[in-house]
Amino acid sequence: MQVGDQLIYLARLKGLSQREATERLKRWFIKFDIKDWWDKKVEDLSKGMAQKCQFIATIVHEPKLVILDEPFSGFDPINANLLKDEILELKQKGSTIIFSTHRMESVEELCDSIALINRSKVVLRGEKRAIKRQFMDNTYTLEYVGSLVLPYSYEIISKTELEPNVYRTNVRIGPEGSVNALLAQLIDQVELKSFSENVPSFNDIFIRVVGETATQALIP
């Protein structure tokens, strides 16, 4: 079949008329810059082009529930960003999107809530921000010029000299310390260039949780 005919057929299965299906699909073909493929054969589609057509077929009838499995597979960064924008627009219009992926950077960008599955079991679930807070370890990264000595309430985890007398240091605040007190120490001792809390990425969280799950599975 030709690509346009195939997608019209799928759109009509989802309740659209011939005219409405054709109008919507042609708008999508222009938006995705694939209008030259309307009359070409389905079997001639590359993997990336087939992915675009599958996405269009999935959302052309504006469903309230969309299930996507690794939707960015086969896409270069430009087309992946194009697809991300469309997914976010669907979300803003009120669609619920269930998104399956192994790419944690996509989870960071797109998801509000997650369920992490390992060996067919859900090992972590919840709202994305709450999960990040759960895995934060009260550490901060600071860059400064000068020499720094901290009291026992603050543990220096690592220290790197970026250039002569310029350092990047990771510090953990203990139970008796505080962010404000640490900042006061820094201002008194060094020229502070940057100060930021270490927020774990979902890639870090994934590795940690799956590693802990695997270790627990080995314990008799």
N, C-alpha and C. Protein backbone atom coordinates (compact mmCIF):
# COMPACT_ATOMS: atom_id res chain seq x y z
N MET A 1 0.83 -1.20 0.00
CA MET A 1 0.00 0.00 0.00
C MET A 1 0.87 1.25 0.00
N GLN A 2 0.28 2.33 -0.47
CA GLN A 2 0.93 3.62 -0.34
C GLN A 2 0.77 4.13 1.08
N VAL A 3 1.75 4.92 1.52
CA VAL A 3 1.78 5.37 2.91
C VAL A 3 0.52 6.15 3.27
N GLY A 4 0.10 7.08 2.40
CA GLY A 4 -1.09 7.88 2.67
C GLY A 4 -2.33 7.03 2.81
N ASP A 5 -2.51 6.05 1.90
CA ASP A 5 -3.68 5.17 1.95
C ASP A 5 -3.70 4.33 3.22
N GLN A 6 -2.52 3.84 3.61
CA GLN A 6 -2.43 3.03 4.83
C GLN A 6 -2.85 3.83 6.06
N LEU A 7 -2.37 5.08 6.15
CA LEU A 7 -2.68 5.89 7.32
C LEU A 7 -4.15 6.35 7.32
N ILE A 8 -4.70 6.60 6.15
CA ILE A 8 -6.14 6.92 6.07
C ILE A 8 -6.96 5.74 6.57
N TYR A 9 -6.57 4.55 6.15
CA TYR A 9 -7.27 3.33 6.59
C TYR A 9 -7.23 3.20 8.11
N LEU A 10 -6.06 3.40 8.71
CA LEU A 10 -5.93 3.29 10.16
C LEU A 10 -6.72 4.38 10.87
N ALA A 11 -6.71 5.60 10.31
CA ALA A 11 -7.46 6.70 10.92
C ALA A 11 -8.96 6.44 10.87
N ARG A 12 -9.44 5.84 9.78
CA ARG A 12 -10.87 5.55 9.66
C ARG A 12 -11.28 4.45 10.63
N LEU A 13 -10.37 3.50 10.93
CA LEU A 13 -10.66 2.50 11.95
C LEU A 13 -10.88 3.15 13.31
N LYS A 14 -10.30 4.33 13.50
CA LYS A 14 -10.41 5.04 14.78
C LYS A 14 -11.54 6.07 14.77
N GLY A 15 -12.39 6.02 13.75
CA GLY A 15 -13.61 6.81 13.78
C GLY A 15 -13.63 8.07 12.94
N LEU A 16 -12.54 8.37 12.23
CA LEU A 16 -12.52 9.57 11.40
C LEU A 16 -13.12 9.29 10.04
N SER A 17 -13.75 10.30 9.44
CA SER A 17 -14.25 10.18 8.08
C SER A 17 -13.07 10.24 7.11
N GLN A 18 -13.34 9.85 5.85
CA GLN A 18 -12.29 9.90 4.83
C GLN A 18 -11.74 11.32 4.69
N ARG A 19 -12.63 12.29 4.66
CA ARG A 19 -12.21 13.67 4.46
C ARG A 19 -11.42 14.18 5.67
N GLU A 20 -11.95 13.92 6.88
CA GLU A 20 -11.28 14.41 8.08
C GLU A 20 -9.92 13.74 8.24
N ALA A 21 -9.86 12.44 7.97
CA ALA A 21 -8.60 11.71 8.09
C ALA A 21 -7.56 12.28 7.13
N THR A 22 -7.98 12.53 5.90
CA THR A 22 -7.05 13.04 4.89
C THR A 22 -6.54 14.43 5.28
N GLU A 23 -7.43 15.30 5.74
CA GLU A 23 -7.03 16.66 6.13
C GLU A 23 -6.05 16.63 7.30
N ARG A 24 -6.38 15.85 8.32
CA ARG A 24 -5.50 15.80 9.50
C ARG A 24 -4.14 15.19 9.14
N LEU A 25 -4.15 14.12 8.39
CA LEU A 25 -2.90 13.45 8.05
C LEU A 25 -2.00 14.35 7.21
N LYS A 26 -2.57 15.08 6.28
CA LYS A 26 -1.75 15.96 5.44
C LYS A 26 -1.13 17.08 6.27
N ARG A 27 -1.87 17.55 7.29
CA ARG A 27 -1.28 18.56 8.19
C ARG A 27 -0.09 17.96 8.94
N TRP A 28 -0.25 16.73 9.40
CA TRP A 28 0.84 16.07 10.11
C TRP A 28 2.04 15.81 9.19
N PHE A 29 1.78 15.45 7.94
CA PHE A 29 2.88 15.20 7.00
C PHE A 29 3.68 16.48 6.75
N ILE A 30 2.97 17.61 6.70
CA ILE A 30 3.67 18.89 6.53
C ILE A 30 4.47 19.21 7.79
N LYS A 31 3.86 19.03 8.95
CA LYS A 31 4.52 19.33 10.23
C LYS A 31 5.78 18.50 10.41
N PHE A 32 5.74 17.22 10.00
CA PHE A 32 6.88 16.33 10.15
C PHE A 32 7.80 16.32 8.92
N ASP A 33 7.50 17.19 7.96
CA ASP A 33 8.33 17.33 6.77
C ASP A 33 8.51 16.00 6.02
N ILE A 34 7.38 15.29 5.84
CA ILE A 34 7.43 14.01 5.11
C ILE A 34 6.37 13.98 4.00
N LYS A 35 5.95 15.16 3.52
CA LYS A 35 4.87 15.22 2.54
C LYS A 35 5.23 14.49 1.24
N ASP A 36 6.52 14.38 0.93
CA ASP A 36 6.92 13.68 -0.30
C ASP A 36 6.72 12.17 -0.21
N TRP A 37 6.42 11.67 0.99
CA TRP A 37 6.26 10.23 1.18
C TRP A 37 4.81 9.77 1.09
N TRP A 38 3.88 10.66 0.86
CA TRP A 38 2.46 10.31 0.86
C TRP A 38 2.15 9.19 -0.15
N ASP A 39 2.72 9.28 -1.34
CA ASP A 39 2.40 8.32 -2.40
C ASP A 39 3.41 7.18 -2.53
N LYS A 40 4.38 7.12 -1.61
CA LYS A 40 5.38 6.06 -1.70
C LYS A 40 4.90 4.80 -0.99
N LYS A 41 5.57 3.68 -1.27
CA LYS A 41 5.17 2.40 -0.72
C LYS A 41 5.60 2.28 0.75
N VAL A 42 4.75 1.61 1.53
CA VAL A 42 5.05 1.42 2.94
C VAL A 42 6.38 0.69 3.13
N GLU A 43 6.65 -0.30 2.29
CA GLU A 43 7.88 -1.09 2.46
C GLU A 43 9.15 -0.30 2.17
N ASP A 44 9.02 0.88 1.56
CA ASP A 44 10.18 1.71 1.25
C ASP A 44 10.57 2.65 2.40
N LEU A 45 9.77 2.66 3.47
CA LEU A 45 10.05 3.56 4.59
C LEU A 45 11.31 3.12 5.34
N SER A 46 12.17 4.09 5.68
CA SER A 46 13.29 3.81 6.57
C SER A 46 12.74 3.63 7.99
N LYS A 47 13.59 3.18 8.92
CA LYS A 47 13.13 2.98 10.30
C LYS A 47 12.63 4.29 10.91
N GLY A 48 13.40 5.38 10.75
CA GLY A 48 12.98 6.66 11.30
C GLY A 48 11.70 7.17 10.68
N MET A 49 11.56 7.01 9.34
CA MET A 49 10.35 7.46 8.66
C MET A 49 9.15 6.62 9.10
N ALA A 50 9.36 5.31 9.27
CA ALA A 50 8.29 4.44 9.74
C ALA A 50 7.86 4.85 11.15
N GLN A 51 8.82 5.23 11.99
CA GLN A 51 8.49 5.67 13.35
C GLN A 51 7.61 6.92 13.31
N LYS A 52 7.93 7.86 12.43
CA LYS A 52 7.10 9.06 12.30
C LYS A 52 5.67 8.69 11.90
N CYS A 53 5.55 7.80 10.92
CA CYS A 53 4.22 7.40 10.44
C CYS A 53 3.44 6.67 11.53
N GLN A 54 4.14 5.82 12.30
CA GLN A 54 3.48 5.11 13.38
C GLN A 54 2.98 6.09 14.45
N PHE A 55 3.79 7.11 14.74
CA PHE A 55 3.37 8.10 15.72
C PHE A 55 2.14 8.85 15.22
N ILE A 56 2.16 9.25 13.95
CA ILE A 56 1.00 9.96 13.38
C ILE A 56 -0.24 9.10 13.45
N ALA A 57 -0.10 7.82 13.10
CA ALA A 57 -1.25 6.91 13.15
C ALA A 57 -1.79 6.77 14.57
N THR A 58 -0.91 6.88 15.54
CA THR A 58 -1.29 6.71 16.95
C THR A 58 -2.10 7.89 17.47
N ILE A 59 -1.76 9.10 17.02
CA ILE A 59 -2.38 10.28 17.65
C ILE A 59 -3.29 11.09 16.72
N VAL A 60 -3.46 10.64 15.48
CA VAL A 60 -4.23 11.44 14.52
C VAL A 60 -5.67 11.66 14.97
N HIS A 61 -6.24 10.72 15.73
CA HIS A 61 -7.63 10.86 16.19
C HIS A 61 -7.72 11.53 17.56
N GLU A 62 -6.58 12.08 18.04
CA GLU A 62 -6.51 12.83 19.29
C GLU A 62 -7.03 12.02 20.48
N PRO A 63 -6.39 10.88 20.76
CA PRO A 63 -6.86 10.02 21.85
C PRO A 63 -6.59 10.62 23.22
N LYS A 64 -7.38 10.23 24.21
CA LYS A 64 -7.18 10.68 25.58
C LYS A 64 -6.11 9.86 26.29
N LEU A 65 -5.85 8.65 25.79
CA LEU A 65 -4.80 7.80 26.35
C LEU A 65 -3.86 7.39 25.23
N VAL A 66 -2.56 7.66 25.44
CA VAL A 66 -1.54 7.32 24.45
C VAL A 66 -0.49 6.45 25.13
N ILE A 67 -0.18 5.29 24.54
CA ILE A 67 0.85 4.41 25.06
C ILE A 67 2.00 4.37 24.05
N LEU A 68 3.19 4.77 24.49
CA LEU A 68 4.35 4.85 23.60
C LEU A 68 5.46 3.97 24.14
N ASP A 69 6.00 3.11 23.29
CA ASP A 69 7.09 2.21 23.68
C ASP A 69 8.34 2.58 22.90
N GLU A 70 9.34 3.14 23.62
CA GLU A 70 10.61 3.57 23.01
C GLU A 70 10.37 4.39 21.73
N PRO A 71 9.63 5.50 21.83
CA PRO A 71 9.25 6.24 20.61
C PRO A 71 10.41 6.93 19.90
N PHE A 72 11.55 7.10 20.58
CA PHE A 72 12.66 7.83 19.95
C PHE A 72 13.67 6.92 19.27
N SER A 73 13.41 5.63 19.29
CA SER A 73 14.33 4.67 18.64
C SER A 73 14.41 4.97 17.15
N GLY A 74 15.64 5.08 16.63
CA GLY A 74 15.83 5.32 15.21
C GLY A 74 15.84 6.77 14.80
N PHE A 75 15.69 7.69 15.78
CA PHE A 75 15.64 9.12 15.45
C PHE A 75 16.97 9.80 15.74
N ASP A 76 17.34 10.75 14.86
CA ASP A 76 18.47 11.62 15.16
C ASP A 76 18.00 12.69 16.15
N PRO A 77 18.92 13.47 16.76
CA PRO A 77 18.51 14.44 17.79
C PRO A 77 17.46 15.44 17.33
N ILE A 78 17.53 15.89 16.09
CA ILE A 78 16.57 16.89 15.60
C ILE A 78 15.16 16.30 15.58
N ASN A 79 15.02 15.09 15.01
CA ASN A 79 13.69 14.48 14.94
C ASN A 79 13.22 14.01 16.31
N ALA A 80 14.14 13.60 17.18
CA ALA A 80 13.76 13.23 18.55
C ALA A 80 13.17 14.44 19.27
N ASN A 81 13.78 15.61 19.10
CA ASN A 81 13.24 16.83 19.72
C ASN A 81 11.89 17.20 19.15
N LEU A 82 11.72 17.00 17.84
CA LEU A 82 10.43 17.27 17.21
C LEU A 82 9.34 16.41 17.84
N LEU A 83 9.66 15.13 18.03
CA LEU A 83 8.69 14.21 18.62
C LEU A 83 8.41 14.56 20.08
N LYS A 84 9.44 14.94 20.83
CA LYS A 84 9.25 15.34 22.22
C LYS A 84 8.30 16.51 22.33
N ASP A 85 8.46 17.50 21.43
CA ASP A 85 7.58 18.67 21.45
C ASP A 85 6.12 18.26 21.24
N GLU A 86 5.90 17.31 20.32
CA GLU A 86 4.54 16.87 20.05
C GLU A 86 3.95 16.09 21.23
N ILE A 87 4.78 15.28 21.89
CA ILE A 87 4.32 14.54 23.06
C ILE A 87 3.93 15.51 24.17
N LEU A 88 4.75 16.54 24.39
CA LEU A 88 4.44 17.52 25.43
C LEU A 88 3.18 18.31 25.08
N GLU A 89 2.97 18.57 23.79
CA GLU A 89 1.75 19.28 23.38
C GLU A 89 0.51 18.42 23.63
N LEU A 90 0.62 17.11 23.37
CA LEU A 90 -0.48 16.20 23.67
C LEU A 90 -0.81 16.24 25.16
N LYS A 91 0.23 16.25 25.98
CA LYS A 91 0.04 16.31 27.43
C LYS A 91 -0.67 17.59 27.83
N GLN A 92 -0.24 18.72 27.25
CA GLN A 92 -0.85 20.01 27.59
C GLN A 92 -2.32 20.06 27.17
N LYS A 93 -2.67 19.30 26.13
CA LYS A 93 -4.06 19.27 25.67
C LYS A 93 -4.92 18.31 26.48
N GLY A 94 -4.30 17.58 27.44
CA GLY A 94 -5.09 16.76 28.34
C GLY A 94 -4.97 15.26 28.14
N SER A 95 -4.15 14.81 27.21
CA SER A 95 -3.98 13.38 27.02
C SER A 95 -3.14 12.80 28.16
N THR A 96 -3.49 11.58 28.56
CA THR A 96 -2.66 10.83 29.49
C THR A 96 -1.70 9.98 28.67
N ILE A 97 -0.41 10.05 29.00
CA ILE A 97 0.60 9.36 28.20
C ILE A 97 1.35 8.37 29.07
N ILE A 98 1.30 7.11 28.70
CA ILE A 98 2.11 6.06 29.33
C ILE A 98 3.30 5.83 28.43
N PHE A 99 4.47 5.98 29.01
CA PHE A 99 5.69 6.07 28.21
C PHE A 99 6.69 5.04 28.72
N SER A 100 7.05 4.08 27.87
CA SER A 100 8.01 3.05 28.24
C SER A 100 9.35 3.35 27.59
N THR A 101 10.41 3.39 28.42
CA THR A 101 11.73 3.70 27.87
C THR A 101 12.83 3.22 28.79
N HIS A 102 14.00 2.96 28.21
CA HIS A 102 15.20 2.69 28.99
C HIS A 102 16.11 3.92 29.04
N ARG A 103 15.71 4.98 28.36
CA ARG A 103 16.54 6.18 28.28
C ARG A 103 16.12 7.14 29.38
N MET A 104 16.95 7.22 30.41
CA MET A 104 16.59 8.00 31.59
C MET A 104 16.54 9.49 31.30
N GLU A 105 17.27 9.97 30.29
CA GLU A 105 17.19 11.39 29.97
C GLU A 105 15.80 11.76 29.45
N SER A 106 15.13 10.80 28.81
CA SER A 106 13.75 11.04 28.36
C SER A 106 12.80 11.10 29.55
N VAL A 107 13.05 10.27 30.55
CA VAL A 107 12.25 10.32 31.78
C VAL A 107 12.40 11.70 32.44
N GLU A 108 13.64 12.20 32.50
CA GLU A 108 13.90 13.51 33.09
C GLU A 108 13.09 14.60 32.40
N GLU A 109 13.04 14.54 31.08
CA GLU A 109 12.44 15.62 30.29
C GLU A 109 10.92 15.54 30.24
N LEU A 110 10.34 14.34 30.22
CA LEU A 110 8.95 14.19 29.83
C LEU A 110 8.00 13.76 30.93
N CYS A 111 8.47 13.03 31.92
CA CYS A 111 7.55 12.35 32.83
C CYS A 111 7.24 13.17 34.08
N ASP A 112 6.03 12.99 34.60
CA ASP A 112 5.64 13.55 35.89
C ASP A 112 5.77 12.50 36.98
N SER A 113 5.38 11.27 36.67
CA SER A 113 5.46 10.17 37.61
C SER A 113 6.13 8.99 36.92
N ILE A 114 6.77 8.11 37.73
CA ILE A 114 7.45 6.98 37.13
C ILE A 114 7.13 5.69 37.89
N ALA A 115 7.30 4.58 37.19
CA ALA A 115 7.32 3.25 37.80
C ALA A 115 8.52 2.54 37.21
N LEU A 116 9.48 2.19 38.07
CA LEU A 116 10.69 1.52 37.62
C LEU A 116 10.50 0.01 37.79
N ILE A 117 10.63 -0.72 36.69
CA ILE A 117 10.41 -2.17 36.69
C ILE A 117 11.73 -2.89 36.48
N ASN A 118 12.01 -3.85 37.35
CA ASN A 118 13.20 -4.68 37.21
C ASN A 118 12.81 -6.14 37.41
N ARG A 119 13.14 -6.99 36.45
CA ARG A 119 12.78 -8.40 36.50
C ARG A 119 11.28 -8.59 36.75
N SER A 120 10.49 -7.82 36.01
CA SER A 120 9.02 -7.88 35.99
C SER A 120 8.36 -7.36 37.28
N LYS A 121 9.14 -6.80 38.20
CA LYS A 121 8.57 -6.26 39.43
C LYS A 121 8.78 -4.75 39.51
N VAL A 122 7.77 -4.04 40.00
CA VAL A 122 7.91 -2.61 40.22
C VAL A 122 8.75 -2.40 41.49
N VAL A 123 9.93 -1.80 41.33
CA VAL A 123 10.84 -1.62 42.46
C VAL A 123 10.87 -0.18 42.96
N LEU A 124 10.27 0.73 42.20
CA LEU A 124 10.21 2.13 42.62
C LEU A 124 9.09 2.81 41.85
N ARG A 125 8.29 3.56 42.55
CA ARG A 125 7.22 4.31 41.87
C ARG A 125 6.92 5.59 42.63
N GLY A 126 6.39 6.57 41.90
CA GLY A 126 5.99 7.80 42.56
C GLY A 126 6.15 9.01 41.67
N GLU A 127 5.86 10.17 42.24
CA GLU A 127 5.99 11.43 41.52
C GLU A 127 7.48 11.75 41.38
N LYS A 128 7.84 12.23 40.21
CA LYS A 128 9.26 12.38 39.87
C LYS A 128 10.00 13.26 40.88
N ARG A 129 9.45 14.38 41.25
CA ARG A 129 10.14 15.27 42.18
C ARG A 129 10.32 14.62 43.54
N ALA A 130 9.30 13.91 44.00
CA ALA A 130 9.37 13.25 45.31
C ALA A 130 10.46 12.18 45.32
N ILE A 131 10.58 11.44 44.22
CA ILE A 131 11.61 10.40 44.13
C ILE A 131 12.99 11.03 44.15
N LYS A 132 13.17 12.12 43.45
CA LYS A 132 14.47 12.79 43.46
C LYS A 132 14.84 13.25 44.88
N ARG A 133 13.86 13.80 45.59
CA ARG A 133 14.12 14.22 46.98
C ARG A 133 14.50 13.03 47.85
N GLN A 134 13.86 11.90 47.59
CA GLN A 134 14.13 10.69 48.37
C GLN A 134 15.59 10.25 48.24
N PHE A 135 16.20 10.48 47.07
CA PHE A 135 17.54 9.99 46.83
C PHE A 135 18.62 11.08 46.98
N MET A 136 18.22 12.27 47.37
CA MET A 136 19.21 13.31 47.62
C MET A 136 19.95 13.01 48.91
N ASP A 137 21.26 13.29 48.94
CA ASP A 137 22.09 12.89 50.09
C ASP A 137 22.71 14.08 50.83
N ASN A 138 22.10 15.25 50.68
CA ASN A 138 22.55 16.45 51.41
C ASN A 138 23.99 16.82 51.07
N THR A 139 24.34 16.65 49.79
CA THR A 139 25.68 17.07 49.35
C THR A 139 25.56 18.24 48.38
N TYR A 140 26.64 19.02 48.36
CA TYR A 140 26.67 20.24 47.55
C TYR A 140 28.00 20.32 46.82
N THR A 141 27.95 20.91 45.62
CA THR A 141 29.18 21.15 44.86
C THR A 141 29.47 22.64 44.87
N LEU A 142 30.71 23.00 45.22
CA LEU A 142 31.07 24.40 45.24
C LEU A 142 32.39 24.61 44.50
N GLU A 143 32.47 25.73 43.83
CA GLU A 143 33.71 26.14 43.19
C GLU A 143 34.15 27.46 43.81
N TYR A 144 35.43 27.56 44.10
CA TYR A 144 35.91 28.73 44.83
C TYR A 144 37.39 28.96 44.56
N VAL A 145 37.81 30.15 44.91
CA VAL A 145 39.23 30.52 44.85
C VAL A 145 39.72 30.69 46.29
N GLY A 146 40.83 30.03 46.61
CA GLY A 146 41.40 30.20 47.94
C GLY A 146 41.52 28.88 48.68
N SER A 147 41.75 28.99 49.97
CA SER A 147 41.97 27.83 50.83
C SER A 147 40.80 27.70 51.80
N LEU A 148 40.25 26.48 51.91
CA LEU A 148 39.03 26.27 52.69
C LEU A 148 39.26 25.21 53.77
N VAL A 149 38.88 25.54 54.99
CA VAL A 149 38.89 24.59 56.11
C VAL A 149 37.49 24.62 56.74
N LEU A 150 36.87 23.42 56.86
CA LEU A 150 35.51 23.34 57.38
C LEU A 150 35.48 22.59 58.70
N PRO A 151 34.54 22.94 59.60
CA PRO A 151 34.39 22.22 60.86
C PRO A 151 33.84 20.81 60.65
N TYR A 152 33.79 20.02 61.74
CA TYR A 152 33.44 18.60 61.65
C TYR A 152 32.03 18.35 61.11
N SER A 153 31.16 19.36 61.17
CA SER A 153 29.78 19.18 60.70
C SER A 153 29.69 19.05 59.18
N TYR A 154 30.80 19.29 58.50
CA TYR A 154 30.81 19.27 57.04
C TYR A 154 31.91 18.33 56.56
N GLU A 155 31.52 17.35 55.75
CA GLU A 155 32.49 16.36 55.26
C GLU A 155 32.86 16.67 53.81
N ILE A 156 34.14 16.86 53.57
CA ILE A 156 34.61 17.06 52.21
C ILE A 156 34.76 15.69 51.55
N ILE A 157 33.93 15.42 50.53
CA ILE A 157 33.92 14.12 49.87
C ILE A 157 34.99 14.05 48.79
N SER A 158 35.13 15.11 48.03
CA SER A 158 36.14 15.15 46.98
C SER A 158 36.56 16.58 46.74
N LYS A 159 37.78 16.74 46.23
CA LYS A 159 38.30 18.07 45.96
C LYS A 159 39.19 18.00 44.73
N THR A 160 38.93 18.88 43.76
CA THR A 160 39.69 18.89 42.50
C THR A 160 40.19 20.31 42.25
N GLU A 161 41.46 20.41 41.90
CA GLU A 161 42.00 21.72 41.53
C GLU A 161 41.78 21.94 40.04
N LEU A 162 40.94 22.89 39.70
CA LEU A 162 40.59 23.16 38.31
C LEU A 162 41.70 23.93 37.60
N GLU A 163 42.30 24.85 38.32
CA GLU A 163 43.45 25.64 37.86
C GLU A 163 44.13 26.16 39.11
N PRO A 164 45.29 26.75 39.01
CA PRO A 164 45.98 27.16 40.23
C PRO A 164 45.10 27.96 41.19
N ASN A 165 44.92 27.40 42.39
CA ASN A 165 44.18 28.04 43.49
C ASN A 165 42.68 28.14 43.25
N VAL A 166 42.16 27.40 42.23
CA VAL A 166 40.71 27.35 41.97
C VAL A 166 40.26 25.89 42.14
N TYR A 167 39.27 25.67 42.99
CA TYR A 167 38.91 24.30 43.37
C TYR A 167 37.41 24.03 43.15
N ARG A 168 37.13 22.76 42.87
CA ARG A 168 35.75 22.26 42.91
C ARG A 168 35.71 21.20 44.00
N THR A 169 34.79 21.38 44.95
CA THR A 169 34.73 20.50 46.11
C THR A 169 33.29 20.02 46.33
N ASN A 170 33.16 18.73 46.66
CA ASN A 170 31.87 18.18 47.05
C ASN A 170 31.84 18.05 48.57
N VAL A 171 30.79 18.62 49.18
CA VAL A 171 30.69 18.66 50.64
C VAL A 171 29.35 18.06 51.06
N ARG A 172 29.39 17.20 52.09
CA ARG A 172 28.16 16.69 52.68
C ARG A 172 27.91 17.42 54.00
N ILE A 173 26.69 17.91 54.18
CA ILE A 173 26.32 18.62 55.41
C ILE A 173 25.82 17.60 56.42
N GLY A 174 26.43 17.57 57.58
CA GLY A 174 26.03 16.64 58.64
C GLY A 174 24.81 17.13 59.40
N PRO A 175 24.31 16.30 60.33
CA PRO A 175 23.09 16.65 61.09
C PRO A 175 23.18 17.97 61.83
N GLU A 176 24.38 18.37 62.26
CA GLU A 176 24.51 19.59 63.03
C GLU A 176 24.84 20.80 62.15
N GLY A 177 24.95 20.60 60.86
CA GLY A 177 25.25 21.71 59.96
C GLY A 177 24.01 22.20 59.24
N SER A 178 24.19 23.24 58.44
CA SER A 178 23.09 23.78 57.65
C SER A 178 23.65 24.47 56.42
N VAL A 179 22.81 24.69 55.44
CA VAL A 179 23.24 25.37 54.21
C VAL A 179 23.68 26.79 54.52
N ASN A 180 22.92 27.49 55.33
CA ASN A 180 23.27 28.89 55.65
C ASN A 180 24.61 28.98 56.38
N ALA A 181 24.82 28.03 57.32
CA ALA A 181 26.09 28.05 58.06
C ALA A 181 27.25 27.72 57.13
N LEU A 182 27.04 26.80 56.20
CA LEU A 182 28.10 26.47 55.24
C LEU A 182 28.43 27.67 54.37
N LEU A 183 27.41 28.36 53.90
CA LEU A 183 27.63 29.56 53.08
C LEU A 183 28.40 30.62 53.86
N ALA A 184 28.08 30.76 55.14
CA ALA A 184 28.78 31.74 55.96
C ALA A 184 30.27 31.39 56.08
N GLN A 185 30.54 30.09 56.24
CA GLN A 185 31.92 29.63 56.29
C GLN A 185 32.65 29.95 54.99
N LEU A 186 31.99 29.70 53.88
CA LEU A 186 32.60 29.94 52.58
C LEU A 186 32.90 31.42 52.35
N ILE A 187 31.94 32.25 52.65
CA ILE A 187 32.10 33.69 52.42
C ILE A 187 33.24 34.25 53.26
N ASP A 188 33.38 33.70 54.47
CA ASP A 188 34.46 34.17 55.34
C ASP A 188 35.84 33.76 54.85
N GLN A 189 35.93 32.62 54.13
CA GLN A 189 37.24 32.05 53.82
C GLN A 189 37.69 32.18 52.37
N VAL A 190 36.75 32.12 51.42
CA VAL A 190 37.14 32.01 50.02
C VAL A 190 36.31 32.94 49.15
N GLU A 191 36.74 33.07 47.91
CA GLU A 191 35.94 33.77 46.89
C GLU A 191 35.07 32.72 46.19
N LEU A 192 33.79 32.72 46.47
CA LEU A 192 32.88 31.69 45.99
C LEU A 192 32.46 31.96 44.55
N LYS A 193 32.65 30.97 43.68
CA LYS A 193 32.28 31.10 42.26
C LYS A 193 30.91 30.49 41.97
N SER A 194 30.63 29.33 42.57
CA SER A 194 29.33 28.68 42.36
C SER A 194 29.03 27.77 43.54
N PHE A 195 27.72 27.52 43.73
CA PHE A 195 27.26 26.70 44.85
C PHE A 195 25.96 26.04 44.41
N SER A 196 25.90 24.71 44.41
CA SER A 196 24.69 24.04 43.96
C SER A 196 24.49 22.73 44.71
N GLU A 197 23.23 22.40 44.95
CA GLU A 197 22.90 21.12 45.58
C GLU A 197 23.03 20.01 44.55
N ASN A 198 23.54 18.87 44.97
CA ASN A 198 23.67 17.72 44.07
C ASN A 198 22.34 16.97 44.02
N VAL A 199 21.68 17.07 42.87
CA VAL A 199 20.41 16.38 42.65
C VAL A 199 20.68 15.16 41.78
N PRO A 200 20.35 13.96 42.24
CA PRO A 200 20.67 12.76 41.45
C PRO A 200 19.87 12.73 40.15
N SER A 201 20.50 12.27 39.10
CA SER A 201 19.78 12.06 37.84
C SER A 201 19.02 10.74 37.93
N PHE A 202 18.04 10.56 37.06
CA PHE A 202 17.32 9.29 37.06
C PHE A 202 18.20 8.15 36.58
N ASN A 203 19.24 8.46 35.83
CA ASN A 203 20.20 7.43 35.47
C ASN A 203 20.91 6.91 36.72
N ASP A 204 21.32 7.83 37.61
CA ASP A 204 21.94 7.44 38.87
C ASP A 204 20.97 6.64 39.74
N ILE A 205 19.73 7.10 39.81
CA ILE A 205 18.71 6.42 40.63
C ILE A 205 18.44 5.02 40.08
N PHE A 206 18.33 4.91 38.76
CA PHE A 206 18.09 3.61 38.12
C PHE A 206 19.20 2.62 38.49
N ILE A 207 20.44 3.05 38.33
CA ILE A 207 21.58 2.17 38.62
C ILE A 207 21.59 1.75 40.09
N ARG A 208 21.31 2.69 40.96
CA ARG A 208 21.33 2.39 42.40
C ARG A 208 20.22 1.41 42.78
N VAL A 209 19.00 1.68 42.33
CA VAL A 209 17.87 0.84 42.73
C VAL A 209 17.99 -0.55 42.14
N VAL A 210 18.35 -0.64 40.86
CA VAL A 210 18.49 -1.96 40.24
C VAL A 210 19.65 -2.72 40.88
N GLY A 211 20.74 -2.02 41.21
CA GLY A 211 21.85 -2.68 41.89
C GLY A 211 21.45 -3.22 43.25
N GLU A 212 20.70 -2.42 44.03
CA GLU A 212 20.24 -2.87 45.34
C GLU A 212 19.28 -4.05 45.21
N THR A 213 18.42 -4.01 44.20
CA THR A 213 17.46 -5.10 43.99
C THR A 213 18.19 -6.40 43.65
N ALA A 214 19.23 -6.28 42.79
CA ALA A 214 19.99 -7.46 42.42
C ALA A 214 20.72 -8.05 43.63
N THR A 215 21.26 -7.18 44.49
CA THR A 215 21.97 -7.64 45.69
C THR A 215 21.01 -8.35 46.63
N GLN A 216 19.82 -7.81 46.81
CA GLN A 216 18.82 -8.43 47.69
C GLN A 216 18.40 -9.80 47.16
N ALA A 217 18.34 -9.94 45.83
CA ALA A 217 17.93 -11.19 45.24
C ALA A 217 18.96 -12.30 45.49
N LEU A 218 20.23 -11.90 45.71
CA LEU A 218 21.28 -12.89 45.93
C LEU A 218 21.36 -13.35 47.38
N ILE A 219 20.73 -12.58 48.30
CA ILE A 219 20.78 -12.93 49.71
C ILE A 219 19.79 -14.05 49.99
N PRO A 220 20.24 -15.20 50.53
CA PRO A 220 19.32 -16.33 50.77
C PRO A 220 18.33 -16.02 51.88
